[in-house]
Amino acid sequence: MIFINYTFGINSMRKTCEEIKVIIAYRWFLGISIYEDVPNYSTWSKNYQRRYNIRTGIA
Protein backbone atom coordinates (compact mmCIF):
# COMPACT_ATOMS: atom_id res chain seq x y z
CA MET A 1 0.00 0.00 0.00
CA ILE A 2 2.91 2.33 0.69
CA PHE A 3 4.21 1.67 -2.82
CA ILE A 4 0.90 2.82 -4.30
CA ASN A 5 0.85 5.78 -1.93
CA TYR A 6 4.25 7.06 -3.05
CA THR A 7 4.14 6.01 -6.70
CA PHE A 8 0.90 7.81 -7.47
CA GLY A 9 1.58 10.78 -5.20
CA ILE A 10 -1.34 10.25 -2.88
CA ASN A 11 -0.61 12.30 0.23
CA SER A 12 -3.11 10.67 2.55
CA MET A 13 -3.35 7.13 3.91
CA ARG A 14 -7.13 7.54 4.07
CA LYS A 15 -7.27 8.56 0.40
CA THR A 16 -5.04 5.63 -0.56
CA CYS A 17 -7.42 3.17 1.14
CA GLU A 18 -10.39 4.77 -0.63
CA GLU A 19 -8.59 4.51 -3.99
CA ILE A 20 -7.77 0.84 -3.36
CA LYS A 21 -11.46 0.14 -2.66
CA VAL A 22 -12.40 1.52 -6.08
CA ILE A 23 -9.54 0.70 -8.46
CA ILE A 24 -9.43 -2.99 -9.28
CA ALA A 25 -5.84 -2.82 -10.60
CA TYR A 26 -4.60 -1.75 -7.15
CA ARG A 27 -6.42 -4.68 -5.56
CA TRP A 28 -4.88 -7.06 -8.11
CA PHE A 29 -1.39 -5.67 -7.44
CA LEU A 30 -1.85 -6.07 -3.67
CA GLY A 31 -3.46 -9.52 -3.95
CA ILE A 32 -6.74 -8.37 -2.38
CA SER A 33 -9.82 -10.09 -3.78
CA ILE A 34 -12.86 -8.00 -4.69
CA TYR A 35 -14.67 -9.92 -1.96
CA GLU A 36 -12.14 -9.01 0.74
CA ASP A 37 -12.22 -5.79 2.72
CA VAL A 38 -9.46 -3.25 2.28
CA PRO A 39 -7.63 -2.59 5.56
CA ASN A 40 -8.93 0.40 7.48
CA TYR A 41 -6.71 3.45 7.13
CA SER A 42 -6.36 3.85 10.91
CA THR A 43 -5.05 0.29 11.27
CA TRP A 44 -2.60 0.85 8.44
CA SER A 45 -1.53 4.20 9.90
CA LYS A 46 -0.85 2.75 13.37
CA ASN A 47 1.10 -0.20 11.94
CA TYR A 48 3.14 2.20 9.79
CA GLN A 49 3.93 4.39 12.79
CA ARG A 50 4.96 1.40 14.91
CA ARG A 51 7.04 -0.12 12.11
CA TYR A 52 8.98 3.03 11.35
CA ASN A 53 8.85 4.43 14.89
CA ILE A 54 7.25 7.71 13.78
CA ARG A 55 6.09 10.01 16.52
CA THR A 56 3.20 12.32 15.73
CA GLY A 57 2.15 15.20 17.88
CA ILE A 58 4.95 14.70 20.40
CA ALA A 59 7.31 17.61 20.93
C-alpha atoms as a PDB file:
ATOM      1  CA  MET A   1       0.000   0.000   0.000  1.00  0.00           C
ATOM      2  CA  ILE A   2       2.906   2.327   0.687  1.00  0.00           C
ATOM      3  CA  PHE A   3       4.208   1.667  -2.817  1.00  0.00           C
ATOM      4  CA  ILE A   4       0.897   2.822  -4.303  1.00  0.00           C
ATOM      5  CA  ASN A   5       0.852   5.783  -1.932  1.00  0.00           C
ATOM      6  CA  TYR A   6       4.251   7.065  -3.049  1.00  0.00           C
ATOM      7  CA  THR A   7       4.138   6.011  -6.701  1.00  0.00           C
ATOM      8  CA  PHE A   8       0.904   7.812  -7.466  1.00  0.00           C
ATOM      9  CA  GLY A   9       1.584  10.778  -5.200  1.00  0.00           C
ATOM     10  CA  ILE A  10      -1.335  10.252  -2.876  1.00  0.00           C
ATOM     11  CA  ASN A  11      -0.608  12.304   0.233  1.00  0.00           C
ATOM     12  CA  SER A  12      -3.106  10.666   2.552  1.00  0.00           C
ATOM     13  CA  MET A  13      -3.353   7.135   3.912  1.00  0.00           C
ATOM     14  CA  ARG A  14      -7.129   7.536   4.072  1.00  0.00           C
ATOM     15  CA  LYS A  15      -7.271   8.564   0.404  1.00  0.00           C
ATOM     16  CA  THR A  16      -5.041   5.626  -0.556  1.00  0.00           C
ATOM     17  CA  CYS A  17      -7.416   3.174   1.136  1.00  0.00           C
ATOM     18  CA  GLU A  18     -10.390   4.769  -0.631  1.00  0.00           C
ATOM     19  CA  GLU A  19      -8.592   4.512  -3.993  1.00  0.00           C
ATOM     20  CA  ILE A  20      -7.773   0.836  -3.359  1.00  0.00           C
ATOM     21  CA  LYS A  21     -11.456   0.141  -2.664  1.00  0.00           C
ATOM     22  CA  VAL A  22     -12.395   1.520  -6.083  1.00  0.00           C
ATOM     23  CA  ILE A  23      -9.537   0.704  -8.459  1.00  0.00           C
ATOM     24  CA  ILE A  24      -9.431  -2.992  -9.277  1.00  0.00           C
ATOM     25  CA  ALA A  25      -5.844  -2.825 -10.599  1.00  0.00           C
ATOM     26  CA  TYR A  26      -4.604  -1.747  -7.153  1.00  0.00           C
ATOM     27  CA  ARG A  27      -6.416  -4.683  -5.562  1.00  0.00           C
ATOM     28  CA  TRP A  28      -4.878  -7.062  -8.106  1.00  0.00           C
ATOM     29  CA  PHE A  29      -1.389  -5.667  -7.437  1.00  0.00           C
ATOM     30  CA  LEU A  30      -1.845  -6.073  -3.670  1.00  0.00           C
ATOM     31  CA  GLY A  31      -3.458  -9.518  -3.952  1.00  0.00           C
ATOM     32  CA  ILE A  32      -6.736  -8.368  -2.383  1.00  0.00           C
ATOM     33  CA  SER A  33      -9.821 -10.086  -3.776  1.00  0.00           C
ATOM     34  CA  ILE A  34     -12.857  -7.995  -4.688  1.00  0.00           C
ATOM     35  CA  TYR A  35     -14.673  -9.924  -1.958  1.00  0.00           C
ATOM     36  CA  GLU A  36     -12.145  -9.008   0.743  1.00  0.00           C
ATOM     37  CA  ASP A  37     -12.218  -5.787   2.719  1.00  0.00           C
ATOM     38  CA  VAL A  38      -9.461  -3.250   2.276  1.00  0.00           C
ATOM     39  CA  PRO A  39      -7.632  -2.591   5.564  1.00  0.00           C
ATOM     40  CA  ASN A  40      -8.929   0.405   7.478  1.00  0.00           C
ATOM     41  CA  TYR A  41      -6.709   3.454   7.129  1.00  0.00           C
ATOM     42  CA  SER A  42      -6.357   3.852  10.906  1.00  0.00           C
ATOM     43  CA  THR A  43      -5.046   0.293  11.271  1.00  0.00           C
ATOM     44  CA  TRP A  44      -2.600   0.852   8.436  1.00  0.00           C
ATOM     45  CA  SER A  45      -1.532   4.201   9.904  1.00  0.00           C
ATOM     46  CA  LYS A  46      -0.854   2.752  13.368  1.00  0.00           C
ATOM     47  CA  ASN A  47       1.096  -0.198  11.937  1.00  0.00           C
ATOM     48  CA  TYR A  48       3.141   2.199   9.790  1.00  0.00           C
ATOM     49  CA  GLN A  49       3.928   4.394  12.788  1.00  0.00           C
ATOM     50  CA  ARG A  50       4.957   1.401  14.905  1.00  0.00           C
ATOM     51  CA  ARG A  51       7.041  -0.124  12.115  1.00  0.00           C
ATOM     52  CA  TYR A  52       8.982   3.026  11.347  1.00  0.00           C
ATOM     53  CA  ASN A  53       8.848   4.435  14.890  1.00  0.00           C
ATOM     54  CA  ILE A  54       7.251   7.709  13.780  1.00  0.00           C
ATOM     55  CA  ARG A  55       6.085  10.015  16.520  1.00  0.00           C
ATOM     56  CA  THR A  56       3.202  12.318  15.731  1.00  0.00           C
ATOM     57  CA  GLY A  57       2.146  15.200  17.876  1.00  0.00           C
ATOM     58  CA  ILE A  58       4.951  14.699  20.400  1.00  0.00           C
ATOM     59  CA  ALA A  59       7.311  17.610  20.934  1.00  0.00           C
END
